[in-house]
Structures are given as structure tokens and as C-alpha cells.
Amino acid sequence: MLRAFDLQQVLSRVAGHDPEALPVETASAAIAASVDPVTAVEQVALRDALGRVLGSDVISSIDVPAYDNSAMDGYALRAADLAANGDTRLAVVGTALAGTAFSGEVGAGQ
């Protein structure tokens, strides 16, 4: 069963929370009073849109990319191969481009 908490209750459990800090409701009211709401929408050329607020959602008519993809740069290694002190040298044994699984194995020292 989910229990409902207000923000103040949640913050009171956070390490370093200052109970004398500005209450959330007061901070929200101050922020709302200091900004002007967007009341009109206009169309501008793409190059003129820098720094503006988008007036409606932009939805692509096609999937980009056209397949499930989670692109990420990185390296795989075995933690047991890392030296406790100093540098560790490992051999690069392969590459896997975005959308393609690595077909090899990572062995000792690789």
C-alpha cells in the first residue's frame, strides 16, 4: 500500500535538511510571482526560435532511430583484473557499434 507524504515530510527525512529553510509553498509563490506566464503563441522560423519557449509538442512522424537503440560509449572489463594500487593495462578486444551486440567475450587482462 502506498502512503501519501507531503513534500515537507519527505524533506524532513533528508540528511542536511534545514527545517528553518523557506517553506516550499512560500518558495513556489515567490517564483510564480517573479515570472510572466506565456499568454500568446506565434510561429517563427527555426533559426529565430533560439531562446524561446515551445508553444506545443513536437512529434516526429517517423521513429528516429528506426529501431530500439540505447547508444552508449564505454568499456567492459573484469573488476578482478584491476590492480589494487597503481595503473592497470588491459587489451582492447573488440568494438560494438550502436545497435549491434558485441559477439566476443572479455577475458582476463582484456
Protein backbone atom coordinates (compact mmCIF):
# COMPACT_ATOMS: atom_id res chain seq x y z
CA MET A 1 0.00 0.00 0.00
CA LEU A 2 1.36 3.44 -0.94
CA ARG A 3 1.50 6.07 1.76
CA ALA A 4 0.99 9.70 0.84
CA PHE A 5 3.56 12.18 2.16
CA ASP A 6 3.63 15.89 1.68
CA LEU A 7 6.90 17.41 0.47
CA GLN A 8 7.72 18.83 3.91
CA GLN A 9 7.51 15.33 5.47
CA VAL A 10 9.81 13.89 2.82
CA LEU A 11 12.36 16.71 3.15
CA SER A 12 12.44 16.32 6.93
CA ARG A 13 13.99 12.88 6.40
CA VAL A 14 16.73 14.12 4.06
CA ALA A 15 20.21 14.42 5.58
CA GLY A 16 21.23 18.04 5.96
CA HIS A 17 17.64 19.32 5.69
CA ASP A 18 17.22 22.71 7.34
CA PRO A 19 13.75 22.93 8.92
CA GLU A 20 14.22 26.71 9.11
CA ALA A 21 14.57 26.91 5.32
CA LEU A 22 11.95 28.67 3.24
CA PRO A 23 8.79 26.53 3.07
CA VAL A 24 8.04 25.01 -0.35
CA GLU A 25 4.73 26.83 -0.64
CA THR A 26 6.38 30.21 0.02
CA ALA A 27 9.19 29.50 -2.46
CA SER A 28 6.68 28.38 -5.10
CA ALA A 29 4.62 31.53 -4.62
CA ALA A 30 7.73 33.73 -4.90
CA ILE A 31 8.80 32.01 -8.11
CA ALA A 32 5.31 32.27 -9.61
CA ALA A 33 5.19 35.98 -8.77
CA SER A 34 8.53 36.64 -10.46
CA VAL A 35 7.78 35.13 -13.89
CA ASP A 36 5.43 36.23 -16.61
CA PRO A 37 3.22 33.44 -17.96
CA VAL A 38 3.27 32.75 -21.68
CA THR A 39 -0.03 34.11 -22.98
CA ALA A 40 0.45 34.07 -26.75
CA VAL A 41 1.80 31.71 -29.37
CA GLU A 42 3.46 32.73 -32.61
CA GLN A 43 5.21 30.87 -35.40
CA VAL A 44 8.79 31.86 -36.20
CA ALA A 45 11.48 30.46 -38.45
CA LEU A 46 13.58 27.76 -36.82
CA ARG A 47 16.68 29.97 -36.78
CA ASP A 48 14.70 32.64 -34.90
CA ALA A 49 13.45 30.19 -32.25
CA LEU A 50 16.65 30.13 -30.15
CA GLY A 51 15.91 31.16 -26.57
CA ARG A 52 12.15 30.89 -26.96
CA VAL A 53 9.62 28.62 -25.24
CA LEU A 54 7.99 25.91 -27.34
CA GLY A 55 4.25 26.54 -27.63
CA SER A 56 3.23 22.96 -28.42
CA ASP A 57 4.65 19.46 -28.55
CA VAL A 58 6.82 18.46 -31.50
CA ILE A 59 6.16 14.87 -32.50
CA SER A 60 8.19 13.14 -35.18
CA SER A 61 6.21 11.41 -37.92
CA ILE A 62 8.90 8.70 -38.04
CA ASP A 63 10.83 6.76 -35.39
CA VAL A 64 14.37 8.06 -35.01
CA PRO A 65 16.27 5.78 -34.98
CA ALA A 66 14.01 3.31 -36.79
CA TYR A 67 14.84 0.56 -34.24
CA ASP A 68 15.20 0.16 -30.48
CA ASN A 69 18.56 1.65 -29.55
CA SER A 70 20.42 2.64 -26.44
CA ALA A 71 23.63 4.24 -27.65
CA MET A 72 26.34 4.45 -25.03
CA ASP A 73 30.08 4.87 -25.10
CA GLY A 74 32.02 2.79 -22.65
CA TYR A 75 34.22 -0.18 -21.90
CA ALA A 76 33.52 -3.58 -20.38
CA LEU A 77 36.13 -5.15 -18.12
CA ARG A 78 36.51 -7.60 -15.29
CA ALA A 79 36.89 -5.89 -11.91
CA ALA A 80 39.20 -8.71 -10.82
CA ASP A 81 41.75 -7.51 -13.41
CA LEU A 82 42.12 -4.05 -11.83
CA ALA A 83 45.28 -3.53 -9.81
CA ALA A 84 44.68 -2.66 -6.15
CA ASN A 85 47.36 0.03 -6.35
CA GLY A 86 48.63 1.82 -9.45
CA ASP A 87 47.73 1.60 -13.09
CA THR A 88 46.17 -1.32 -14.92
CA ARG A 89 46.78 -2.08 -18.60
CA LEU A 90 44.12 -4.03 -20.45
CA ALA A 91 43.90 -5.10 -24.09
CA VAL A 92 41.02 -3.84 -26.24
CA VAL A 93 39.49 -6.93 -27.86
CA GLY A 94 36.59 -5.61 -29.86
CA THR A 95 34.10 -2.92 -30.77
CA ALA A 96 30.32 -2.91 -30.82
CA LEU A 97 28.65 -0.10 -32.75
CA ALA A 98 25.29 1.31 -31.68
CA GLY A 99 22.51 -1.17 -32.39
CA THR A 100 24.92 -4.10 -32.67
CA ALA A 101 25.73 -6.52 -29.84
CA PHE A 102 29.38 -7.43 -29.11
CA SER A 103 29.81 -11.03 -30.23
CA GLY A 104 33.09 -11.73 -28.43
CA GLU A 105 33.99 -12.36 -24.82
CA VAL A 106 36.00 -10.30 -22.37
CA GLY A 107 38.69 -12.44 -20.81
CA ALA A 108 41.39 -11.91 -18.20
CA GLY A 109 43.53 -8.86 -18.91
CA GLN A 110 41.18 -7.58 -21.62
